[in-house]
PDB file of N, CA and C in Angstrom:
ATOM      1  N   MET A   1       9.927 -10.516 -28.069  1.00  0.00           N
ATOM      2  CA  MET A   1       8.552 -10.713 -28.459  1.00  0.00           C
ATOM      3  C   MET A   1       7.740 -11.311 -27.302  1.00  0.00           C
ATOM      4  N   ILE A   2       8.395 -12.010 -26.402  1.00  0.00           N
ATOM      5  CA  ILE A   2       7.689 -12.643 -25.286  1.00  0.00           C
ATOM      6  C   ILE A   2       7.158 -11.563 -24.351  1.00  0.00           C
ATOM      7  N   GLY A   3       5.900 -11.673 -23.996  1.00  0.00           N
ATOM      8  CA  GLY A   3       5.270 -10.732 -23.086  1.00  0.00           C
ATOM      9  C   GLY A   3       4.611  -9.547 -23.778  1.00  0.00           C
ATOM     10  N   ARG A   4       4.795  -9.385 -25.059  1.00  0.00           N
ATOM     11  CA  ARG A   4       4.153  -8.282 -25.776  1.00  0.00           C
ATOM     12  C   ARG A   4       2.674  -8.567 -25.971  1.00  0.00           C
ATOM     13  N   MET A   5       1.907  -7.494 -26.030  1.00  0.00           N
ATOM     14  CA  MET A   5       0.473  -7.625 -26.203  1.00  0.00           C
ATOM     15  C   MET A   5       0.045  -6.823 -27.422  1.00  0.00           C
ATOM     16  N   TYR A   6      -0.784  -7.446 -28.252  1.00  0.00           N
ATOM     17  CA  TYR A   6      -1.306  -6.826 -29.462  1.00  0.00           C
ATOM     18  C   TYR A   6      -2.834  -6.867 -29.402  1.00  0.00           C
ATOM     19  N   TYR A   7      -3.462  -6.110 -30.291  1.00  0.00           N
ATOM     20  CA  TYR A   7      -4.915  -6.194 -30.390  1.00  0.00           C
ATOM     21  C   TYR A   7      -5.304  -6.606 -31.800  1.00  0.00           C
ATOM     22  N   GLN A   8      -6.520  -7.148 -31.908  1.00  0.00           N
ATOM     23  CA  GLN A   8      -7.076  -7.560 -33.192  1.00  0.00           C
ATOM     24  C   GLN A   8      -8.534  -7.155 -33.225  1.00  0.00           C
ATOM     25  N   LYS A   9      -8.939  -6.452 -34.284  1.00  0.00           N
ATOM     26  CA  LYS A   9     -10.333  -6.018 -34.441  1.00  0.00           C
ATOM     27  C   LYS A   9     -11.188  -7.192 -34.893  1.00  0.00           C
ATOM     28  N   ASN A  10     -12.451  -7.171 -34.497  1.00  0.00           N
ATOM     29  CA  ASN A  10     -13.411  -8.186 -34.916  1.00  0.00           C
ATOM     30  C   ASN A  10     -13.879  -7.860 -36.335  1.00  0.00           C
ATOM     31  N   ALA A  11     -13.792  -8.842 -37.220  1.00  0.00           N
ATOM     32  CA  ALA A  11     -14.203  -8.617 -38.615  1.00  0.00           C
ATOM     33  C   ALA A  11     -15.716  -8.444 -38.739  1.00  0.00           C
ATOM     34  N   LYS A  12     -16.484  -9.006 -37.794  1.00  0.00           N
ATOM     35  CA  LYS A  12     -17.944  -8.922 -37.865  1.00  0.00           C
ATOM     36  C   LYS A  12     -18.509  -7.670 -37.193  1.00  0.00           C
ATOM     37  N   ASN A  13     -17.744  -7.091 -36.257  1.00  0.00           N
ATOM     38  CA  ASN A  13     -18.218  -5.919 -35.536  1.00  0.00           C
ATOM     39  C   ASN A  13     -17.036  -4.976 -35.318  1.00  0.00           C
ATOM     40  N   GLU A  14     -17.088  -3.798 -35.920  1.00  0.00           N
ATOM     41  CA  GLU A  14     -15.980  -2.844 -35.852  1.00  0.00           C
ATOM     42  C   GLU A  14     -15.769  -2.269 -34.452  1.00  0.00           C
ATOM     43  N   ASN A  15     -16.766  -2.380 -33.569  1.00  0.00           N
ATOM     44  CA  ASN A  15     -16.653  -1.819 -32.225  1.00  0.00           C
ATOM     45  C   ASN A  15     -15.996  -2.774 -31.239  1.00  0.00           C
ATOM     46  N   GLU A  16     -15.657  -3.979 -31.653  1.00  0.00           N
ATOM     47  CA  GLU A  16     -15.074  -4.972 -30.748  1.00  0.00           C
ATOM     48  C   GLU A  16     -13.618  -5.246 -31.114  1.00  0.00           C
ATOM     49  N   TYR A  17     -12.844  -5.586 -30.086  1.00  0.00           N
ATOM     50  CA  TYR A  17     -11.468  -5.997 -30.285  1.00  0.00           C
ATOM     51  C   TYR A  17     -11.106  -7.029 -29.225  1.00  0.00           C
ATOM     52  N   ARG A  18     -10.003  -7.740 -29.442  1.00  0.00           N
ATOM     53  CA  ARG A  18      -9.485  -8.661 -28.432  1.00  0.00           C
ATOM     54  C   ARG A  18      -7.979  -8.487 -28.373  1.00  0.00           C
ATOM     55  N   THR A  19      -7.398  -8.952 -27.286  1.00  0.00           N
ATOM     56  CA  THR A  19      -5.960  -8.831 -27.121  1.00  0.00           C
ATOM     57  C   THR A  19      -5.306 -10.201 -27.291  1.00  0.00           C
ATOM     58  N   ILE A  20      -4.090 -10.182 -27.798  1.00  0.00           N
ATOM     59  CA  ILE A  20      -3.298 -11.397 -27.973  1.00  0.00           C
ATOM     60  C   ILE A  20      -1.966 -11.160 -27.268  1.00  0.00           C
ATOM     61  N   ARG A  21      -1.659 -11.998 -26.298  1.00  0.00           N
ATOM     62  CA  ARG A  21      -0.402 -11.903 -25.552  1.00  0.00           C
ATOM     63  C   ARG A  21       0.476 -13.074 -25.966  1.00  0.00           C
ATOM     64  N   LEU A  22       1.747 -12.797 -26.229  1.00  0.00           N
ATOM     65  CA  LEU A  22       2.682 -13.848 -26.616  1.00  0.00           C
ATOM     66  C   LEU A  22       3.404 -14.331 -25.366  1.00  0.00           C
ATOM     67  N   HIS A  23       3.266 -15.613 -25.086  1.00  0.00           N
ATOM     68  CA  HIS A  23       3.761 -16.211 -23.851  1.00  0.00           C
ATOM     69  C   HIS A  23       4.712 -17.352 -24.193  1.00  0.00           C
ATOM     70  N   PHE A  24       5.809 -17.473 -23.445  1.00  0.00           N
ATOM     71  CA  PHE A  24       6.727 -18.595 -23.635  1.00  0.00           C
ATOM     72  C   PHE A  24       6.269 -19.761 -22.779  1.00  0.00           C
ATOM     73  N   ASN A  25       6.015 -20.898 -23.421  1.00  0.00           N
ATOM     74  CA  ASN A  25       5.624 -22.117 -22.718  1.00  0.00           C
ATOM     75  C   ASN A  25       6.875 -22.979 -22.558  1.00  0.00           C
ATOM     76  N   PRO A  26       7.398 -23.107 -21.338  1.00  0.00           N
ATOM     77  CA  PRO A  26       8.648 -23.858 -21.151  1.00  0.00           C
ATOM     78  C   PRO A  26       8.478 -25.358 -21.345  1.00  0.00           C
ATOM     79  N   PHE A  27       7.267 -25.879 -21.227  1.00  0.00           N
ATOM     80  CA  PHE A  27       7.063 -27.316 -21.365  1.00  0.00           C
ATOM     81  C   PHE A  27       7.168 -27.783 -22.813  1.00  0.00           C
ATOM     82  N   CYS A  28       6.765 -26.939 -23.748  1.00  0.00           N
ATOM     83  CA  CYS A  28       6.903 -27.312 -25.154  1.00  0.00           C
ATOM     84  C   CYS A  28       7.983 -26.487 -25.856  1.00  0.00           C
ATOM     85  N   ASN A  29       8.650 -25.602 -25.121  1.00  0.00           N
ATOM     86  CA  ASN A  29       9.766 -24.810 -25.628  1.00  0.00           C
ATOM     87  C   ASN A  29       9.343 -23.964 -26.836  1.00  0.00           C
ATOM     88  N   LYS A  30       8.176 -23.304 -26.730  1.00  0.00           N
ATOM     89  CA  LYS A  30       7.639 -22.506 -27.824  1.00  0.00           C
ATOM     90  C   LYS A  30       6.976 -21.242 -27.298  1.00  0.00           C
ATOM     91  N   ILE A  31       6.838 -20.287 -28.192  1.00  0.00           N
ATOM     92  CA  ILE A  31       6.046 -19.093 -27.906  1.00  0.00           C
ATOM     93  C   ILE A  31       4.625 -19.377 -28.376  1.00  0.00           C
ATOM     94  N   VAL A  32       3.670 -19.228 -27.479  1.00  0.00           N
ATOM     95  CA  VAL A  32       2.283 -19.518 -27.811  1.00  0.00           C
ATOM     96  C   VAL A  32       1.439 -18.256 -27.586  1.00  0.00           C
ATOM     97  N   PRO A  33       0.457 -18.006 -28.456  1.00  0.00           N
ATOM     98  CA  PRO A  33      -0.419 -16.857 -28.248  1.00  0.00           C
ATOM     99  C   PRO A  33      -1.511 -17.181 -27.228  1.00  0.00           C
ATOM    100  N   GLN A  34      -1.853 -16.193 -26.425  1.00  0.00           N
ATOM    101  CA  GLN A  34      -2.962 -16.303 -25.480  1.00  0.00           C
ATOM    102  C   GLN A  34      -4.005 -15.274 -25.901  1.00  0.00           C
ATOM    103  N   TRP A  35      -5.194 -15.756 -26.258  1.00  0.00           N
ATOM    104  CA  TRP A  35      -6.255 -14.918 -26.800  1.00  0.00           C
ATOM    105  C   TRP A  35      -7.237 -14.527 -25.703  1.00  0.00           C
ATOM    106  N   SER A  36      -7.708 -13.301 -25.726  1.00  0.00           N
ATOM    107  CA  SER A  36      -8.797 -12.891 -24.847  1.00  0.00           C
ATOM    108  C   SER A  36     -10.102 -12.966 -25.628  1.00  0.00           C
ATOM    109  N   ASN A  37     -11.207 -12.780 -24.947  1.00  0.00           N
ATOM    110  CA  ASN A  37     -12.498 -12.698 -25.624  1.00  0.00           C
ATOM    111  C   ASN A  37     -12.652 -11.309 -26.244  1.00  0.00           C
ATOM    112  N   PHE A  38     -13.536 -11.194 -27.225  1.00  0.00           N
ATOM    113  CA  PHE A  38     -13.807  -9.886 -27.815  1.00  0.00           C
ATOM    114  C   PHE A  38     -14.561  -9.029 -26.808  1.00  0.00           C
ATOM    115  N   ILE A  39     -14.158  -7.769 -26.723  1.00  0.00           N
ATOM    116  CA  ILE A  39     -14.848  -6.819 -25.854  1.00  0.00           C
ATOM    117  C   ILE A  39     -15.201  -5.587 -26.684  1.00  0.00           C
ATOM    118  N   VAL A  40     -16.237  -4.866 -26.247  1.00  0.00           N
ATOM    119  CA  VAL A  40     -16.657  -3.649 -26.931  1.00  0.00           C
ATOM    120  C   VAL A  40     -15.821  -2.504 -26.398  1.00  0.00           C
ATOM    121  N   GLY A  41     -15.257  -1.739 -27.301  1.00  0.00           N
ATOM    122  CA  GLY A  41     -14.465  -0.598 -26.887  1.00  0.00           C
ATOM    123  C   GLY A  41     -13.403  -0.251 -27.909  1.00  0.00           C
ATOM    124  N   VAL A  42     -12.483   0.590 -27.465  1.00  0.00           N
ATOM    125  CA  VAL A  42     -11.377   1.048 -28.299  1.00  0.00           C
ATOM    126  C   VAL A  42     -10.090   0.496 -27.694  1.00  0.00           C
ATOM    127  N   PRO A  43      -9.177  -0.011 -28.502  1.00  0.00           N
ATOM    128  CA  PRO A  43      -7.911  -0.513 -27.950  1.00  0.00           C
ATOM    129  C   PRO A  43      -7.160   0.589 -27.207  1.00  0.00           C
ATOM    130  N   PRO A  44      -6.438   0.236 -26.152  1.00  0.00           N
ATOM    131  CA  PRO A  44      -5.690   1.245 -25.395  1.00  0.00           C
ATOM    132  C   PRO A  44      -4.665   1.960 -26.277  1.00  0.00           C
ATOM    133  N   GLU A  45      -4.438   3.198 -25.955  1.00  0.00           N
ATOM    134  CA  GLU A  45      -3.484   3.988 -26.720  1.00  0.00           C
ATOM    135  C   GLU A  45      -2.077   3.424 -26.530  1.00  0.00           C
ATOM    136  N   GLY A  46      -1.353   3.289 -27.611  1.00  0.00           N
ATOM    137  CA  GLY A  46      -0.001   2.755 -27.551  1.00  0.00           C
ATOM    138  C   GLY A  46       0.094   1.273 -27.858  1.00  0.00           C
ATOM    139  N   MET A  47      -1.033   0.553 -27.814  1.00  0.00           N
ATOM    140  CA  MET A  47      -1.025  -0.874 -28.142  1.00  0.00           C
ATOM    141  C   MET A  47      -1.048  -1.031 -29.652  1.00  0.00           C
ATOM    142  N   LYS A  48      -0.184  -1.894 -30.159  1.00  0.00           N
ATOM    143  CA  LYS A  48      -0.064  -2.081 -31.602  1.00  0.00           C
ATOM    144  C   LYS A  48      -1.021  -3.159 -32.095  1.00  0.00           C
ATOM    145  N   PRO A  49      -1.486  -3.047 -33.343  1.00  0.00           N
ATOM    146  CA  PRO A  49      -2.310  -4.121 -33.912  1.00  0.00           C
ATOM    147  C   PRO A  49      -1.450  -5.342 -34.211  1.00  0.00           C
ATOM    148  N   LEU A  50      -2.083  -6.490 -34.249  1.00  0.00           N
ATOM    149  CA  LEU A  50      -1.390  -7.740 -34.528  1.00  0.00           C
ATOM    150  C   LEU A  50      -0.904  -7.735 -35.973  1.00  0.00           C
ATOM    151  N   PRO A  51       0.410  -7.912 -36.210  1.00  0.00           N
ATOM    152  CA  PRO A  51       0.884  -8.004 -37.593  1.00  0.00           C
ATOM    153  C   PRO A  51       0.259  -9.213 -38.284  1.00  0.00           C
ATOM    154  N   PRO A  52      -0.133  -9.090 -39.539  1.00  0.00           N
ATOM    155  CA  PRO A  52      -0.882 -10.161 -40.196  1.00  0.00           C
ATOM    156  C   PRO A  52      -0.126 -11.476 -40.327  1.00  0.00           C
ATOM    157  N   ASN A  53       1.181 -11.462 -40.433  1.00  0.00           N
ATOM    158  CA  ASN A  53       1.940 -12.696 -40.640  1.00  0.00           C
ATOM    159  C   ASN A  53       2.591 -13.231 -39.372  1.00  0.00           C
ATOM    160  N   LEU A  54       2.362 -12.594 -38.243  1.00  0.00           N
ATOM    161  CA  LEU A  54       3.062 -12.982 -37.021  1.00  0.00           C
ATOM    162  C   LEU A  54       2.671 -14.371 -36.531  1.00  0.00           C
ATOM    163  N   LEU A  55       1.394 -14.679 -36.477  1.00  0.00           N
ATOM    164  CA  LEU A  55       0.958 -15.973 -35.947  1.00  0.00           C
ATOM    165  C   LEU A  55       1.392 -17.122 -36.851  1.00  0.00           C
ATOM    166  N   GLY A  56       1.373 -16.904 -38.155  1.00  0.00           N
ATOM    167  CA  GLY A  56       1.833 -17.933 -39.081  1.00  0.00           C
ATOM    168  C   GLY A  56       3.319 -18.202 -38.940  1.00  0.00           C
ATOM    169  N   SER A  57       4.092 -17.153 -38.739  1.00  0.00           N
ATOM    170  CA  SER A  57       5.529 -17.348 -38.590  1.00  0.00           C
ATOM    171  C   SER A  57       5.866 -17.994 -37.252  1.00  0.00           C
ATOM    172  N   LEU A  58       5.067 -17.736 -36.219  1.00  0.00           N
ATOM    173  CA  LEU A  58       5.309 -18.390 -34.932  1.00  0.00           C
ATOM    174  C   LEU A  58       5.098 -19.899 -35.019  1.00  0.00           C
ATOM    175  N   SER A  59       4.099 -20.307 -35.747  1.00  0.00           N
ATOM    176  CA  SER A  59       3.825 -21.741 -35.845  1.00  0.00           C
ATOM    177  C   SER A  59       4.780 -22.443 -36.808  1.00  0.00           C
ATOM    178  N   ARG A  60       5.378 -21.705 -37.725  1.00  0.00           N
ATOM    179  CA  ARG A  60       6.249 -22.315 -38.725  1.00  0.00           C
ATOM    180  C   ARG A  60       7.704 -22.391 -38.317  1.00  0.00           C
ATOM    181  N   PHE A  61       8.229 -21.378 -37.658  1.00  0.00           N
ATOM    182  CA  PHE A  61       9.669 -21.261 -37.467  1.00  0.00           C
ATOM    183  C   PHE A  61      10.140 -21.522 -36.048  1.00  0.00           C
ATOM    184  N   GLN A  62       9.415 -22.292 -35.283  1.00  0.00           N
ATOM    185  CA  GLN A  62       9.873 -22.647 -33.945  1.00  0.00           C
ATOM    186  C   GLN A  62      10.380 -24.075 -33.942  1.00  0.00           C
ATOM    187  N   ALA A  63      11.274 -24.338 -33.019  1.00  0.00           N
ATOM    188  CA  ALA A  63      11.871 -25.666 -32.942  1.00  0.00           C
ATOM    189  C   ALA A  63      10.828 -26.693 -32.493  1.00  0.00           C
ATOM    190  N   HIS A  64      10.808 -27.807 -33.145  1.00  0.00           N
ATOM    191  CA  HIS A  64       9.917 -28.916 -32.773  1.00  0.00           C
ATOM    192  C   HIS A  64      10.751 -29.942 -32.032  1.00  0.00           C
ATOM    193  N   THR A  65      10.677 -29.905 -30.734  1.00  0.00           N
ATOM    194  CA  THR A  65      11.467 -30.826 -29.936  1.00  0.00           C
ATOM    195  C   THR A  65      10.584 -31.963 -29.449  1.00  0.00           C
ATOM    196  N   PRO A  66      10.865 -33.177 -29.801  1.00  0.00           N
ATOM    197  CA  PRO A  66      10.029 -34.292 -29.361  1.00  0.00           C
ATOM    198  C   PRO A  66      10.293 -34.692 -27.904  1.00  0.00           C
ATOM    199  N   GLU A  67      11.360 -34.185 -27.316  1.00  0.00           N
ATOM    200  CA  GLU A  67      11.664 -34.568 -25.939  1.00  0.00           C
ATOM    201  C   GLU A  67      10.760 -33.841 -24.961  1.00  0.00           C
ATOM    202  N   PHE A  68      10.562 -34.463 -23.848  1.00  0.00           N
ATOM    203  CA  PHE A  68       9.833 -33.818 -22.750  1.00  0.00           C
ATOM    204  C   PHE A  68      10.813 -33.574 -21.619  1.00  0.00           C
ATOM    205  N   TYR A  69      10.859 -32.374 -21.100  1.00  0.00           N
ATOM    206  CA  TYR A  69      11.851 -32.033 -20.093  1.00  0.00           C
ATOM    207  C   TYR A  69      11.438 -32.500 -18.729  1.00  0.00           C
TER     208      TYR A  69
END
Protein backbone atom coordinates (compact mmCIF):
# COMPACT_ATOMS: atom_id res chain seq x y z
CA MET A 1 0.00 0.00 0.00
CA ILE A 2 2.97 2.33 0.57
CA GLY A 3 3.62 4.54 -2.43
CA ARG A 4 0.23 3.97 -4.08
CA MET A 5 -1.67 6.95 -5.36
CA TYR A 6 -5.45 7.34 -5.45
CA TYR A 7 -7.77 10.12 -6.54
CA GLN A 8 -10.79 11.68 -4.86
CA LYS A 9 -13.48 13.75 -6.61
CA ASN A 10 -14.57 17.08 -5.15
CA ALA A 11 -18.10 16.85 -3.74
CA LYS A 12 -18.75 20.53 -4.53
CA ASN A 13 -17.42 20.50 -8.11
CA GLU A 14 -17.56 17.41 -10.34
CA ASN A 15 -14.77 18.76 -12.59
CA GLU A 16 -12.15 18.77 -9.81
CA TYR A 17 -10.16 15.99 -8.21
CA ARG A 18 -7.16 15.60 -5.91
CA THR A 19 -4.63 12.86 -5.39
CA ILE A 20 -3.83 11.04 -2.16
CA ARG A 21 -0.45 9.30 -1.83
CA LEU A 22 0.17 6.83 0.99
CA HIS A 23 3.59 7.43 2.52
CA PHE A 24 5.42 5.58 5.31
CA ASN A 25 6.62 7.97 8.01
CA PRO A 26 9.55 6.26 9.79
CA PHE A 27 9.54 8.73 12.69
CA CYS A 28 6.06 7.77 13.86
CA ASN A 29 6.15 4.25 12.34
CA LYS A 30 2.86 4.78 10.45
CA ILE A 31 1.43 5.10 6.98
CA VAL A 32 0.21 8.65 6.51
CA PRO A 33 -1.78 10.11 3.59
CA GLN A 34 -0.36 13.04 1.63
CA TRP A 35 -3.09 15.17 0.05
CA SER A 36 -2.73 17.39 -3.01
CA ASN A 37 -4.85 20.43 -3.76
CA PHE A 38 -7.94 20.07 -5.94
CA ILE A 39 -7.25 20.60 -9.63
CA VAL A 40 -9.60 20.90 -12.60
CA GLY A 41 -9.42 17.96 -14.94
CA VAL A 42 -9.91 14.24 -15.32
CA PRO A 43 -7.95 11.72 -13.22
CA PRO A 44 -5.22 9.91 -15.16
CA GLU A 45 -6.20 6.65 -16.77
CA GLY A 46 -5.38 3.66 -14.60
CA MET A 47 -5.48 5.57 -11.29
CA LYS A 48 -7.97 4.08 -8.86
CA PRO A 49 -10.43 6.08 -6.74
CA LEU A 50 -9.84 6.22 -3.01
CA PRO A 51 -11.69 3.36 -1.28
CA PRO A 52 -14.21 4.88 1.15
CA ASN A 53 -12.99 3.01 4.26
CA LEU A 54 -9.25 3.16 3.61
CA LEU A 55 -8.40 6.32 5.55
CA GLY A 56 -10.46 5.24 8.55
CA SER A 57 -8.77 1.87 8.68
CA LEU A 58 -5.33 3.48 8.42
CA SER A 59 -5.95 5.62 11.47
CA ARG A 60 -7.52 2.77 13.46
CA PHE A 61 -5.34 -0.28 12.85
CA GLN A 62 -1.79 1.02 13.04
CA ALA A 63 0.54 0.48 15.94
CA HIS A 64 0.68 3.33 18.45
CA THR A 65 4.24 3.37 19.64
CA PRO A 66 5.00 5.95 22.33
CA GLU A 67 8.75 5.57 21.85
CA PHE A 68 10.77 7.91 19.73
CA TYR A 69 13.52 6.30 17.69
